[in-house]
Amino acid sequence: MKRLLHLGVPLGSEIMTTVRLATGGVCSLAGLDLERSEDCKVCVTESLLLLTHAGYREASIDFSEDEGLRARIAGEGEACCPASAPEDDISAALLEALAEDVSVQRQGDGICAIAFRFKR
């Protein structure tokens, strides 16, 4: 497995465009077509939203190449004031529908990491 990119980001709406642009670049490096790249950007964004709702203020994003693209998005630091949001179920459903090998790691009642893969 070849590591492509590691990002540490604050969680907030102002960083989402930057993360989506970086994700698109990584998708291109991994050889994903445009449709799969768009799906991957949605999954990364939804994962960050889930971590935000779990109370994290920062996240790490790791991309690696292994017969496609693997992504792992994890909350960093201590989760504060976790609050479940109604759209969390929609985010989880999108991840399951768009990506392969989706795994969600929980800590207590909240989500602390999400991983998924996109084949070429």
PDB file of N, CA and C in Angstrom:
ATOM      1  N   MET A   1       0.849  -1.166   0.000  1.00  0.00           N
ATOM      2  CA  MET A   1       0.000   0.000   0.000  1.00  0.00           C
ATOM      3  C   MET A   1       0.902   1.239   0.000  1.00  0.00           C
ATOM      4  N   LYS A   2       0.625   2.148  -0.897  1.00  0.00           N
ATOM      5  CA  LYS A   2       1.417   3.358  -1.068  1.00  0.00           C
ATOM      6  C   LYS A   2       0.653   4.547  -0.475  1.00  0.00           C
ATOM      7  N   ARG A   3       1.269   5.231   0.484  1.00  0.00           N
ATOM      8  CA  ARG A   3       0.639   6.406   1.090  1.00  0.00           C
ATOM      9  C   ARG A   3       0.733   7.571   0.108  1.00  0.00           C
ATOM     10  N   LEU A   4      -0.414   8.205  -0.153  1.00  0.00           N
ATOM     11  CA  LEU A   4      -0.471   9.312  -1.101  1.00  0.00           C
ATOM     12  C   LEU A   4      -0.480  10.675  -0.427  1.00  0.00           C
ATOM     13  N   LEU A   5      -1.250  10.804   0.672  1.00  0.00           N
ATOM     14  CA  LEU A   5      -1.384  12.111   1.297  1.00  0.00           C
ATOM     15  C   LEU A   5      -1.912  11.962   2.714  1.00  0.00           C
ATOM     16  N   HIS A   6      -1.396  12.803   3.606  1.00  0.00           N
ATOM     17  CA  HIS A   6      -1.916  12.910   4.973  1.00  0.00           C
ATOM     18  C   HIS A   6      -2.235  14.378   5.224  1.00  0.00           C
ATOM     19  N   LEU A   7      -3.434  14.641   5.693  1.00  0.00           N
ATOM     20  CA  LEU A   7      -3.853  16.002   6.030  1.00  0.00           C
ATOM     21  C   LEU A   7      -4.339  16.039   7.466  1.00  0.00           C
ATOM     22  N   GLY A   8      -3.967  17.069   8.171  1.00  0.00           N
ATOM     23  CA  GLY A   8      -4.546  17.374   9.469  1.00  0.00           C
ATOM     24  C   GLY A   8      -5.320  18.662   9.294  1.00  0.00           C
ATOM     25  N   VAL A   9      -6.618  18.651   9.587  1.00  0.00           N
ATOM     26  CA  VAL A   9      -7.451  19.824   9.315  1.00  0.00           C
ATOM     27  C   VAL A   9      -8.342  20.160  10.496  1.00  0.00           C
ATOM     28  N   PRO A  10      -8.606  21.468  10.680  1.00  0.00           N
ATOM     29  CA  PRO A  10      -9.638  21.855  11.643  1.00  0.00           C
ATOM     30  C   PRO A  10     -10.993  21.544  11.020  1.00  0.00           C
ATOM     31  N   LEU A  11     -11.947  21.182  11.841  1.00  0.00           N
ATOM     32  CA  LEU A  11     -13.272  20.875  11.308  1.00  0.00           C
ATOM     33  C   LEU A  11     -14.126  22.132  11.299  1.00  0.00           C
ATOM     34  N   GLY A  12     -14.543  22.506  10.122  1.00  0.00           N
ATOM     35  CA  GLY A  12     -15.391  23.678   9.947  1.00  0.00           C
ATOM     36  C   GLY A  12     -15.714  23.838   8.477  1.00  0.00           C
ATOM     37  N   SER A  13     -16.774  24.546   8.198  1.00  0.00           N
ATOM     38  CA  SER A  13     -17.216  24.687   6.815  1.00  0.00           C
ATOM     39  C   SER A  13     -16.197  25.410   5.950  1.00  0.00           C
ATOM     40  N   GLU A  14     -15.369  26.269   6.538  1.00  0.00           N
ATOM     41  CA  GLU A  14     -14.413  27.039   5.748  1.00  0.00           C
ATOM     42  C   GLU A  14     -13.304  26.181   5.142  1.00  0.00           C
ATOM     43  N   ILE A  15     -13.068  24.992   5.663  1.00  0.00           N
ATOM     44  CA  ILE A  15     -11.982  24.136   5.155  1.00  0.00           C
ATOM     45  C   ILE A  15     -12.477  23.111   4.136  1.00  0.00           C
ATOM     46  N   MET A  16     -13.782  22.938   4.017  1.00  0.00           N
ATOM     47  CA  MET A  16     -14.333  21.872   3.172  1.00  0.00           C
ATOM     48  C   MET A  16     -13.936  21.996   1.697  1.00  0.00           C
ATOM     49  N   THR A  17     -13.914  23.195   1.158  1.00  0.00           N
ATOM     50  CA  THR A  17     -13.541  23.366  -0.245  1.00  0.00           C
ATOM     51  C   THR A  17     -12.097  22.928  -0.472  1.00  0.00           C
ATOM     52  N   THR A  18     -11.221  23.282   0.448  1.00  0.00           N
ATOM     53  CA  THR A  18      -9.813  22.888   0.343  1.00  0.00           C
ATOM     54  C   THR A  18      -9.669  21.372   0.396  1.00  0.00           C
ATOM     55  N   VAL A  19     -10.397  20.742   1.306  1.00  0.00           N
ATOM     56  CA  VAL A  19     -10.337  19.281   1.431  1.00  0.00           C
ATOM     57  C   VAL A  19     -10.882  18.616   0.167  1.00  0.00           C
ATOM     58  N   ARG A  20     -11.965  19.131  -0.376  1.00  0.00           N
ATOM     59  CA  ARG A  20     -12.533  18.565  -1.604  1.00  0.00           C
ATOM     60  C   ARG A  20     -11.553  18.689  -2.772  1.00  0.00           C
ATOM     61  N   LEU A  21     -10.867  19.825  -2.885  1.00  0.00           N
ATOM     62  CA  LEU A  21      -9.870  19.999  -3.946  1.00  0.00           C
ATOM     63  C   LEU A  21      -8.709  19.022  -3.780  1.00  0.00           C
ATOM     64  N   ALA A  22      -8.228  18.865  -2.558  1.00  0.00           N
ATOM     65  CA  ALA A  22      -7.137  17.925  -2.300  1.00  0.00           C
ATOM     66  C   ALA A  22      -7.581  16.498  -2.594  1.00  0.00           C
ATOM     67  N   THR A  23      -8.806  16.151  -2.221  1.00  0.00           N
ATOM     68  CA  THR A  23      -9.336  14.815  -2.486  1.00  0.00           C
ATOM     69  C   THR A  23      -9.411  14.559  -3.985  1.00  0.00           C
ATOM     70  N   GLY A  24      -9.854  15.538  -4.741  1.00  0.00           N
ATOM     71  CA  GLY A  24      -9.912  15.392  -6.199  1.00  0.00           C
ATOM     72  C   GLY A  24      -8.534  15.127  -6.787  1.00  0.00           C
ATOM     73  N   GLY A  25      -7.522  15.822  -6.299  1.00  0.00           N
ATOM     74  CA  GLY A  25      -6.154  15.595  -6.767  1.00  0.00           C
ATOM     75  C   GLY A  25      -5.655  14.207  -6.445  1.00  0.00           C
ATOM     76  N   VAL A  26      -5.949  13.728  -5.249  1.00  0.00           N
ATOM     77  CA  VAL A  26      -5.532  12.389  -4.850  1.00  0.00           C
ATOM     78  C   VAL A  26      -6.255  11.334  -5.690  1.00  0.00           C
ATOM     79  N   CYS A  27      -7.525  11.558  -5.963  1.00  0.00           N
ATOM     80  CA  CYS A  27      -8.286  10.632  -6.812  1.00  0.00           C
ATOM     81  C   CYS A  27      -7.652  10.527  -8.196  1.00  0.00           C
ATOM     82  N   SER A  28      -7.214  11.643  -8.725  1.00  0.00           N
ATOM     83  CA  SER A  28      -6.547  11.648 -10.019  1.00  0.00           C
ATOM     84  C   SER A  28      -5.241  10.857  -9.964  1.00  0.00           C
ATOM     85  N   LEU A  29      -4.461  11.052  -8.913  1.00  0.00           N
ATOM     86  CA  LEU A  29      -3.215  10.293  -8.739  1.00  0.00           C
ATOM     87  C   LEU A  29      -3.477   8.788  -8.680  1.00  0.00           C
ATOM     88  N   ALA A  30      -4.590   8.412  -8.052  1.00  0.00           N
ATOM     89  CA  ALA A  30      -4.918   6.994  -7.886  1.00  0.00           C
ATOM     90  C   ALA A  30      -5.588   6.398  -9.120  1.00  0.00           C
ATOM     91  N   GLY A  31      -5.864   7.211 -10.138  1.00  0.00           N
ATOM     92  CA  GLY A  31      -6.438   6.701 -11.379  1.00  0.00           C
ATOM     93  C   GLY A  31      -7.938   6.501 -11.359  1.00  0.00           C
ATOM     94  N   LEU A  32      -8.646   7.184 -10.455  1.00  0.00           N
ATOM     95  CA  LEU A  32     -10.107   7.072 -10.447  1.00  0.00           C
ATOM     96  C   LEU A  32     -10.701   7.946 -11.541  1.00  0.00           C
ATOM     97  N   ASP A  33     -11.793   7.485 -12.148  1.00  0.00           N
ATOM     98  CA  ASP A  33     -12.460   8.300 -13.154  1.00  0.00           C
ATOM     99  C   ASP A  33     -13.242   9.423 -12.471  1.00  0.00           C
ATOM    100  N   LEU A  34     -13.795  10.320 -13.251  1.00  0.00           N
ATOM    101  CA  LEU A  34     -14.464  11.505 -12.723  1.00  0.00           C
ATOM    102  C   LEU A  34     -15.631  11.151 -11.804  1.00  0.00           C
ATOM    103  N   GLU A  35     -16.438  10.176 -12.192  1.00  0.00           N
ATOM    104  CA  GLU A  35     -17.594   9.796 -11.377  1.00  0.00           C
ATOM    105  C   GLU A  35     -17.169   9.250 -10.017  1.00  0.00           C
ATOM    106  N   ARG A  36     -16.175   8.366 -10.007  1.00  0.00           N
ATOM    107  CA  ARG A  36     -15.678   7.807  -8.742  1.00  0.00           C
ATOM    108  C   ARG A  36     -15.011   8.894  -7.899  1.00  0.00           C
ATOM    109  N   SER A  37     -14.336   9.844  -8.564  1.00  0.00           N
ATOM    110  CA  SER A  37     -13.710  10.959  -7.844  1.00  0.00           C
ATOM    111  C   SER A  37     -14.768  11.805  -7.137  1.00  0.00           C
ATOM    112  N   GLU A  38     -15.858  12.089  -7.828  1.00  0.00           N
ATOM    113  CA  GLU A  38     -16.939  12.873  -7.220  1.00  0.00           C
ATOM    114  C   GLU A  38     -17.547  12.122  -6.036  1.00  0.00           C
ATOM    115  N   ASP A  39     -17.746  10.807  -6.192  1.00  0.00           N
ATOM    116  CA  ASP A  39     -18.271   9.996  -5.093  1.00  0.00           C
ATOM    117  C   ASP A  39     -17.327  10.025  -3.889  1.00  0.00           C
ATOM    118  N   CYS A  40     -16.036   9.960  -4.158  1.00  0.00           N
ATOM    119  CA  CYS A  40     -15.046   9.980  -3.086  1.00  0.00           C
ATOM    120  C   CYS A  40     -15.077  11.314  -2.352  1.00  0.00           C
ATOM    121  N   LYS A  41     -15.193  12.405  -3.082  1.00  0.00           N
ATOM    122  CA  LYS A  41     -15.261  13.724  -2.445  1.00  0.00           C
ATOM    123  C   LYS A  41     -16.489  13.828  -1.542  1.00  0.00           C
ATOM    124  N   VAL A  42     -17.612  13.270  -1.989  1.00  0.00           N
ATOM    125  CA  VAL A  42     -18.820  13.256  -1.157  1.00  0.00           C
ATOM    126  C   VAL A  42     -18.567  12.453   0.120  1.00  0.00           C
ATOM    127  N   CYS A  43     -17.935  11.301  -0.010  1.00  0.00           N
ATOM    128  CA  CYS A  43     -17.684  10.448   1.156  1.00  0.00           C
ATOM    129  C   CYS A  43     -16.744  11.109   2.167  1.00  0.00           C
ATOM    130  N   VAL A  44     -15.722  11.775   1.680  1.00  0.00           N
ATOM    131  CA  VAL A  44     -14.808  12.476   2.588  1.00  0.00           C
ATOM    132  C   VAL A  44     -15.553  13.595   3.314  1.00  0.00           C
ATOM    133  N   THR A  45     -16.342  14.366   2.578  1.00  0.00           N
ATOM    134  CA  THR A  45     -17.102  15.461   3.185  1.00  0.00           C
ATOM    135  C   THR A  45     -18.091  14.938   4.220  1.00  0.00           C
ATOM    136  N   GLU A  46     -18.818  13.889   3.884  1.00  0.00           N
ATOM    137  CA  GLU A  46     -19.793  13.318   4.820  1.00  0.00           C
ATOM    138  C   GLU A  46     -19.095  12.757   6.063  1.00  0.00           C
ATOM    139  N   SER A  47     -17.920  12.164   5.883  1.00  0.00           N
ATOM    140  CA  SER A  47     -17.156  11.652   7.021  1.00  0.00           C
ATOM    141  C   SER A  47     -16.758  12.787   7.959  1.00  0.00           C
ATOM    142  N   LEU A  48     -16.317  13.888   7.393  1.00  0.00           N
ATOM    143  CA  LEU A  48     -15.952  15.048   8.213  1.00  0.00           C
ATOM    144  C   LEU A  48     -17.168  15.600   8.956  1.00  0.00           C
ATOM    145  N   LEU A  49     -18.319  15.602   8.313  1.00  0.00           N
ATOM    146  CA  LEU A  49     -19.542  16.055   8.982  1.00  0.00           C
ATOM    147  C   LEU A  49     -19.904  15.140  10.148  1.00  0.00           C
ATOM    148  N   LEU A  50     -19.760  13.833   9.956  1.00  0.00           N
ATOM    149  CA  LEU A  50     -20.029  12.891  11.044  1.00  0.00           C
ATOM    150  C   LEU A  50     -19.106  13.144  12.239  1.00  0.00           C
ATOM    151  N   LEU A  51     -17.839  13.414  11.961  1.00  0.00           N
ATOM    152  CA  LEU A  51     -16.891  13.694  13.049  1.00  0.00           C
ATOM    153  C   LEU A  51     -17.210  15.017  13.735  1.00  0.00           C
ATOM    154  N   THR A  52     -17.649  15.988  12.969  1.00  0.00           N
ATOM    155  CA  THR A  52     -18.053  17.267  13.553  1.00  0.00           C
ATOM    156  C   THR A  52     -19.224  17.065  14.500  1.00  0.00           C
ATOM    157  N   HIS A  53     -20.202  16.288  14.074  1.00  0.00           N
ATOM    158  CA  HIS A  53     -21.371  16.019  14.912  1.00  0.00           C
ATOM    159  C   HIS A  53     -21.003  15.181  16.130  1.00  0.00           C
ATOM    160  N   ALA A  54     -19.925  14.407  16.033  1.00  0.00           N
ATOM    161  CA  ALA A  54     -19.462  13.609  17.170  1.00  0.00           C
ATOM    162  C   ALA A  54     -18.706  14.462  18.182  1.00  0.00           C
ATOM    163  N   GLY A  55     -18.470  15.733  17.850  1.00  0.00           N
ATOM    164  CA  GLY A  55     -17.850  16.641  18.802  1.00  0.00           C
ATOM    165  C   GLY A  55     -16.369  16.908  18.593  1.00  0.00           C
ATOM    166  N   TYR A  56     -15.816  16.458  17.488  1.00  0.00           N
ATOM    167  CA  TYR A  56     -14.393  16.717  17.222  1.00  0.00           C
ATOM    168  C   TYR A  56     -14.211  18.095  16.620  1.00  0.00           C
ATOM    169  N   ARG A  57     -13.063  18.691  16.920  1.00  0.00           N
ATOM    170  CA  ARG A  57     -12.720  20.001  16.353  1.00  0.00           C
ATOM    171  C   ARG A  57     -11.647  19.897  15.281  1.00  0.00           C
ATOM    172  N   GLU A  58     -10.973  18.747  15.228  1.00  0.00           N
ATOM    173  CA  GLU A  58      -9.925  18.508  14.230  1.00  0.00           C
ATOM    174  C   GLU A  58     -10.019  17.077  13.733  1.00  0.00           C
ATOM    175  N   ALA A  59      -9.464  16.859  12.539  1.00  0.00           N
ATOM    176  CA  ALA A  59      -9.470  15.513  11.965  1.00  0.00           C
ATOM    177  C   ALA A  59      -8.187  15.281  11.183  1.00  0.00           C
ATOM    178  N   SER A  60      -7.852  14.009  11.032  1.00  0.00           N
ATOM    179  CA  SER A  60      -6.758  13.633  10.139  1.00  0.00           C
ATOM    180  C   SER A  60      -7.366  12.839   8.991  1.00  0.00           C
ATOM    181  N   ILE A  61      -6.824  13.068   7.809  1.00  0.00           N
ATOM    182  CA  ILE A  61      -7.294  12.385   6.603  1.00  0.00           C
ATOM    183  C   ILE A  61      -6.086  11.715   5.971  1.00  0.00           C
ATOM    184  N   ASP A  62      -6.175  10.413   5.788  1.00  0.00           N
ATOM    185  CA  ASP A  62      -5.088   9.654   5.176  1.00  0.00           C
ATOM    186  C   ASP A  62      -5.594   8.972   3.922  1.00  0.00           C
ATOM    187  N   PHE A  63      -4.875   9.172   2.825  1.00  0.00           N
ATOM    188  CA  PHE A  63      -5.178   8.529   1.560  1.00  0.00           C
ATOM    189  C   PHE A  63      -4.021   7.604   1.206  1.00  0.00           C
ATOM    190  N   SER A  64      -4.357   6.397   0.757  1.00  0.00           N
ATOM    191  CA  SER A  64      -3.331   5.475   0.275  1.00  0.00           C
ATOM    192  C   SER A  64      -3.856   4.757  -0.959  1.00  0.00           C
ATOM    193  N   GLU A  65      -2.926   4.267  -1.753  1.00  0.00           N
ATOM    194  CA  GLU A  65      -3.268   3.603  -3.005  1.00  0.00           C
ATOM    195  C   GLU A  65      -3.013   2.116  -2.860  1.00  0.00           C
ATOM    196  N   ASP A  66      -4.040   1.328  -3.177  1.00  0.00           N
ATOM    197  CA  ASP A  66      -3.958  -0.128  -3.113  1.00  0.00           C
ATOM    198  C   ASP A  66      -5.089  -0.676  -3.975  1.00  0.00           C
ATOM    199  N   GLU A  67      -4.828  -0.925  -5.266  1.00  0.00           N
ATOM    200  CA  GLU A  67      -5.863  -1.341  -6.211  1.00  0.00           C
ATOM    201  C   GLU A  67      -7.028  -0.364  -6.199  1.00  0.00           C
ATOM    202  N   GLY A  68      -6.718   0.882  -6.135  1.00  0.00           N
ATOM    203  CA  GLY A  68      -7.706   1.947  -6.042  1.00  0.00           C
ATOM    204  C   GLY A  68      -7.267   2.924  -4.971  1.00  0.00           C
ATOM    205  N   LEU A  69      -8.221   3.510  -4.305  1.00  0.00           N
ATOM    206  CA  LEU A  69      -7.923   4.525  -3.300  1.00  0.00           C
ATOM    207  C   LEU A  69      -8.573   4.153  -1.980  1.00  0.00           C
ATOM    208  N   ARG A  70      -7.794   4.185  -0.929  1.00  0.00           N
ATOM    209  CA  ARG A  70      -8.307   3.985   0.431  1.00  0.00           C
ATOM    210  C   ARG A  70      -8.236   5.312   1.161  1.00  0.00           C
ATOM    211  N   ALA A  71      -9.253   5.583   1.959  1.00  0.00           N
ATOM    212  CA  ALA A  71      -9.278   6.796   2.764  1.00  0.00           C
ATOM    213  C   ALA A  71      -9.638   6.429   4.192  1.00  0.00           C
ATOM    214  N   ARG A  72      -8.988   7.100   5.134  1.00  0.00           N
ATOM    215  CA  ARG A  72      -9.326   6.971   6.552  1.00  0.00           C
ATOM    216  C   ARG A  72      -9.402   8.376   7.121  1.00  0.00           C
ATOM    217  N   ILE A  73     -10.543   8.693   7.707  1.00  0.00           N
ATOM    218  CA  ILE A  73     -10.786  10.006   8.279  1.00  0.00           C
ATOM    219  C   ILE A  73     -11.054   9.786   9.765  1.00  0.00           C
ATOM    220  N   ALA A  74     -10.236  10.409  10.619  1.00  0.00           N
ATOM    221  CA  ALA A  74     -10.337  10.168  12.060  1.00  0.00           C
ATOM    222  C   ALA A  74     -10.388  11.477  12.822  1.00  0.00           C
ATOM    223  N   GLY A  75     -11.183  11.488  13.879  1.00  0.00           N
ATOM    224  CA  GLY A  75     -11.209  12.636  14.770  1.00  0.00           C
ATOM    225  C   GLY A  75      -9.902  12.718  15.529  1.00  0.00           C
ATOM    226  N   GLU A  76      -9.447  13.918  15.757  1.00  0.00           N
ATOM    227  CA  GLU A  76      -8.199  14.154  16.487  1.00  0.00           C
ATOM    228  C   GLU A  76      -8.509  14.886  17.786  1.00  0.00           C
ATOM    229  N   GLY A  77      -7.775  14.519  18.844  1.00  0.00           N
ATOM    230  CA  GLY A  77      -7.984  15.170  20.127  1.00  0.00           C
ATOM    231  C   GLY A  77      -9.199  14.607  20.830  1.00  0.00           C
ATOM    232  N   GLU A  78      -9.678  15.349  21.769  1.00  0.00           N
ATOM    233  CA  GLU A  78     -10.830  14.937  22.574  1.00  0.00           C
ATOM    234  C   GLU A  78     -12.114  15.438  21.938  1.00  0.00           C
ATOM    235  N   ALA A  79     -13.098  14.557  21.842  1.00  0.00           N
ATOM    236  CA  ALA A  79     -14.411  14.973  21.337  1.00  0.00           C
ATOM    237  C   ALA A  79     -15.112  15.745  22.451  1.00  0.00           C
ATOM    238  N   CYS A  80     -15.661  16.885  22.111  1.00  0.00           N
ATOM    239  CA  CYS A  80     -16.362  17.670  23.124  1.00  0.00           C
ATOM    240  C   CYS A  80     -17.812  17.872  22.691  1.00  0.00           C
ATOM    241  N   CYS A  81     -18.689  17.781  23.637  1.00  0.00           N
ATOM    242  CA  CYS A  81     -20.114  18.039  23.393  1.00  0.00           C
ATOM    243  C   CYS A  81     -20.673  17.259  22.207  1.00  0.00           C
ATOM    244  N   PRO A  82     -20.514  15.918  22.176  1.00  0.00           N
ATOM    245  CA  PRO A  82     -21.059  15.188  21.029  1.00  0.00           C
ATOM    246  C   PRO A  82     -22.574  15.352  20.925  1.00  0.00           C
ATOM    247  N   ALA A  83     -23.012  15.549  19.721  1.00  0.00           N
ATOM    248  CA  ALA A  83     -24.444  15.689  19.472  1.00  0.00           C
ATOM    249  C   ALA A  83     -24.779  14.958  18.186  1.00  0.00           C
ATOM    250  N   SER A  84     -25.706  14.047  18.268  1.00  0.00           N
ATOM    251  CA  SER A  84     -26.154  13.351  17.073  1.00  0.00           C
ATOM    252  C   SER A  84     -27.077  14.277  16.293  1.00  0.00           C
ATOM    253  N   ALA A  85     -26.939  14.251  14.997  1.00  0.00           N
ATOM    254  CA  ALA A  85     -27.789  15.085  14.150  1.00  0.00           C
ATOM    255  C   ALA A  85     -28.639  14.182  13.260  1.00  0.00           C
ATOM    256  N   PRO A  86     -29.842  14.627  12.903  1.00  0.00           N
ATOM    257  CA  PRO A  86     -30.715  13.805  12.058  1.00  0.00           C
ATOM    258  C   PRO A  86     -30.066  13.415  10.735  1.00  0.00           C
ATOM    259  N   GLU A  87     -29.213  14.282  10.202  1.00  0.00           N
ATOM    260  CA  GLU A  87     -28.590  13.976   8.920  1.00  0.00           C
ATOM    261  C   GLU A  87     -27.454  12.959   9.024  1.00  0.00           C
ATOM    262  N   ASP A  88     -27.085  12.538  10.241  1.00  0.00           N
ATOM    263  CA  ASP A  88     -26.041  11.520  10.395  1.00  0.00           C
ATOM    264  C   ASP A  88     -26.440  10.209   9.705  1.00  0.00           C
ATOM    265  N   ASP A  89     -27.711   9.854   9.780  1.00  0.00           N
ATOM    266  CA  ASP A  89     -28.177   8.631   9.116  1.00  0.00           C
ATOM    267  C   ASP A  89     -28.049   8.752   7.598  1.00  0.00           C
ATOM    268  N   ILE A  90     -28.290   9.938   7.080  1.00  0.00           N
ATOM    269  CA  ILE A  90     -28.154  10.170   5.639  1.00  0.00           C
ATOM    270  C   ILE A  90     -26.686  10.070   5.237  1.00  0.00           C
ATOM    271  N   SER A  91     -25.805  10.668   6.049  1.00  0.00           N
ATOM    272  CA  SER A  91     -24.368  10.593   5.765  1.00  0.00           C
ATOM    273  C   SER A  91     -23.896   9.139   5.749  1.00  0.00           C
ATOM    274  N   ALA A  92     -24.317   8.364   6.738  1.00  0.00           N
ATOM    275  CA  ALA A  92     -23.926   6.956   6.807  1.00  0.00           C
ATOM    276  C   ALA A  92     -24.457   6.175   5.607  1.00  0.00           C
ATOM    277  N   ALA A  93     -25.680   6.461   5.197  1.00  0.00           N
ATOM    278  CA  ALA A  93     -26.269   5.777   4.040  1.00  0.00           C
ATOM    279  C   ALA A  93     -25.518   6.137   2.758  1.00  0.00           C
ATOM    280  N   LEU A  94     -25.125   7.387   2.606  1.00  0.00           N
ATOM    281  CA  LEU A  94     -24.345   7.800   1.434  1.00  0.00           C
ATOM    282  C   LEU A  94     -23.012   7.065   1.377  1.00  0.00           C
ATOM    283  N   LEU A  95     -22.340   6.977   2.506  1.00  0.00           N
ATOM    284  CA  LEU A  95     -21.062   6.257   2.549  1.00  0.00           C
ATOM    285  C   LEU A  95     -21.242   4.807   2.096  1.00  0.00           C
ATOM    286  N   GLU A  96     -22.248   4.147   2.630  1.00  0.00           N
ATOM    287  CA  GLU A  96     -22.496   2.744   2.282  1.00  0.00           C
ATOM    288  C   GLU A  96     -22.850   2.578   0.808  1.00  0.00           C
ATOM    289  N   ALA A  97     -23.592   3.539   0.259  1.00  0.00           N
ATOM    290  CA  ALA A  97     -24.032   3.439  -1.135  1.00  0.00           C
ATOM    291  C   ALA A  97     -22.919   3.747  -2.130  1.00  0.00           C
ATOM    292  N   LEU A  98     -22.020   4.651  -1.785  1.00  0.00           N
ATOM    293  CA  LEU A  98     -21.029   5.119  -2.748  1.00  0.00           C
ATOM    294  C   LEU A  98     -19.682   4.413  -2.673  1.00  0.00           C
ATOM    295  N   ALA A  99     -19.272   3.995  -1.492  1.00  0.00           N
ATOM    296  CA  ALA A  99     -17.919   3.452  -1.299  1.00  0.00           C
ATOM    297  C   ALA A  99     -17.959   1.958  -1.007  1.00  0.00           C
ATOM    298  N   GLU A 100     -16.794   1.333  -1.109  1.00  0.00           N
ATOM    299  CA  GLU A 100     -16.656  -0.081  -0.769  1.00  0.00           C
ATOM    300  C   GLU A 100     -15.917  -0.208   0.562  1.00  0.00           C
ATOM    301  N   ASP A 101     -16.108  -1.336   1.217  1.00  0.00           N
ATOM    302  CA  ASP A 101     -15.393  -1.669   2.452  1.00  0.00           C
ATOM    303  C   ASP A 101     -15.487  -0.547   3.488  1.00  0.00           C
ATOM    304  N   VAL A 102     -16.676  -0.024   3.701  1.00  0.00           N
ATOM    305  CA  VAL A 102     -16.864   1.049   4.671  1.00  0.00           C
ATOM    306  C   VAL A 102     -16.795   0.465   6.077  1.00  0.00           C
ATOM    307  N   SER A 103     -15.984   1.099   6.921  1.00  0.00           N
ATOM    308  CA  SER A 103     -15.954   0.706   8.334  1.00  0.00           C
ATOM    309  C   SER A 103     -16.012   1.960   9.184  1.00  0.00           C
ATOM    310  N   VAL A 104     -16.779   1.871  10.243  1.00  0.00           N
ATOM    311  CA  VAL A 104     -16.958   2.991  11.163  1.00  0.00           C
ATOM    312  C   VAL A 104     -16.475   2.542  12.540  1.00  0.00           C
ATOM    313  N   GLN A 105     -15.562   3.308  13.086  1.00  0.00           N
ATOM    314  CA  GLN A 105     -15.034   3.018  14.416  1.00  0.00           C
ATOM    315  C   GLN A 105     -15.716   3.949  15.410  1.00  0.00           C
ATOM    316  N   ARG A 106     -16.194   3.365  16.494  1.00  0.00           N
ATOM    317  CA  ARG A 106     -16.912   4.150  17.510  1.00  0.00           C
ATOM    318  C   ARG A 106     -16.142   4.179  18.816  1.00  0.00           C
ATOM    319  N   GLN A 107     -16.353   5.265  19.535  1.00  0.00           N
ATOM    320  CA  GLN A 107     -15.819   5.401  20.878  1.00  0.00           C
ATOM    321  C   GLN A 107     -16.982   5.891  21.728  1.00  0.00           C
ATOM    322  N   GLY A 108     -17.435   5.057  22.632  1.00  0.00           N
ATOM    323  CA  GLY A 108     -18.639   5.390  23.387  1.00  0.00           C
ATOM    324  C   GLY A 108     -19.830   5.461  22.452  1.00  0.00           C
ATOM    325  N   ASP A 109     -20.567   6.555  22.517  1.00  0.00           N
ATOM    326  CA  ASP A 109     -21.743   6.729  21.660  1.00  0.00           C
ATOM    327  C   ASP A 109     -21.429   7.391  20.328  1.00  0.00           C
ATOM    328  N   GLY A 110     -20.200   7.908  20.177  1.00  0.00           N
ATOM    329  CA  GLY A 110     -19.889   8.678  18.979  1.00  0.00           C
ATOM    330  C   GLY A 110     -18.946   7.982  18.027  1.00  0.00           C
ATOM    331  N   ILE A 111     -18.913   8.483  16.826  1.00  0.00           N
ATOM    332  CA  ILE A 111     -18.014   7.990  15.784  1.00  0.00           C
ATOM    333  C   ILE A 111     -16.661   8.666  15.965  1.00  0.00           C
ATOM    334  N   CYS A 112     -15.574   7.896  15.865  1.00  0.00           N
ATOM    335  CA  CYS A 112     -14.246   8.498  15.976  1.00  0.00           C
ATOM    336  C   CYS A 112     -13.416   8.321  14.705  1.00  0.00           C
ATOM    337  N   ALA A 113     -13.801   7.401  13.811  1.00  0.00           N
ATOM    338  CA  ALA A 113     -13.061   7.227  12.557  1.00  0.00           C
ATOM    339  C   ALA A 113     -13.936   6.514  11.528  1.00  0.00           C
ATOM    340  N   ILE A 114     -13.684   6.844  10.268  1.00  0.00           N
ATOM    341  CA  ILE A 114     -14.382   6.227   9.146  1.00  0.00           C
ATOM    342  C   ILE A 114     -13.338   5.862   8.102  1.00  0.00           C
ATOM    343  N   ALA A 115     -13.455   4.666   7.549  1.00  0.00           N
ATOM    344  CA  ALA A 115     -12.545   4.245   6.483  1.00  0.00           C
ATOM    345  C   ALA A 115     -13.375   3.666   5.347  1.00  0.00           C
ATOM    346  N   PHE A 116     -12.869   3.838   4.128  1.00  0.00           N
ATOM    347  CA  PHE A 116     -13.548   3.291   2.952  1.00  0.00           C
ATOM    348  C   PHE A 116     -12.566   3.183   1.809  1.00  0.00           C
ATOM    349  N   ARG A 117     -13.032   2.534   0.736  1.00  0.00           N
ATOM    350  CA  ARG A 117     -12.176   2.301  -0.428  1.00  0.00           C
ATOM    351  C   ARG A 117     -12.961   2.530  -1.707  1.00  0.00           C
ATOM    352  N   PHE A 118     -12.255   2.962  -2.738  1.00  0.00           N
ATOM    353  CA  PHE A 118     -12.805   3.066  -4.091  1.00  0.00           C
ATOM    354  C   PHE A 118     -11.883   2.300  -5.023  1.00  0.00           C
ATOM    355  N   LYS A 119     -12.436   1.305  -5.712  1.00  0.00           N
ATOM    356  CA  LYS A 119     -11.654   0.560  -6.699  1.00  0.00           C
ATOM    357  C   LYS A 119     -11.570   1.356  -7.982  1.00  0.00           C
ATOM    358  N   ARG A 120     -10.530   1.089  -8.754  1.00  0.00           N
ATOM    359  CA  ARG A 120     -10.398   1.738 -10.068  1.00  0.00           C
ATOM    360  C   ARG A 120     -11.417   1.179 -11.028  1.00  0.00           C
TER     361      ARG A 120
END
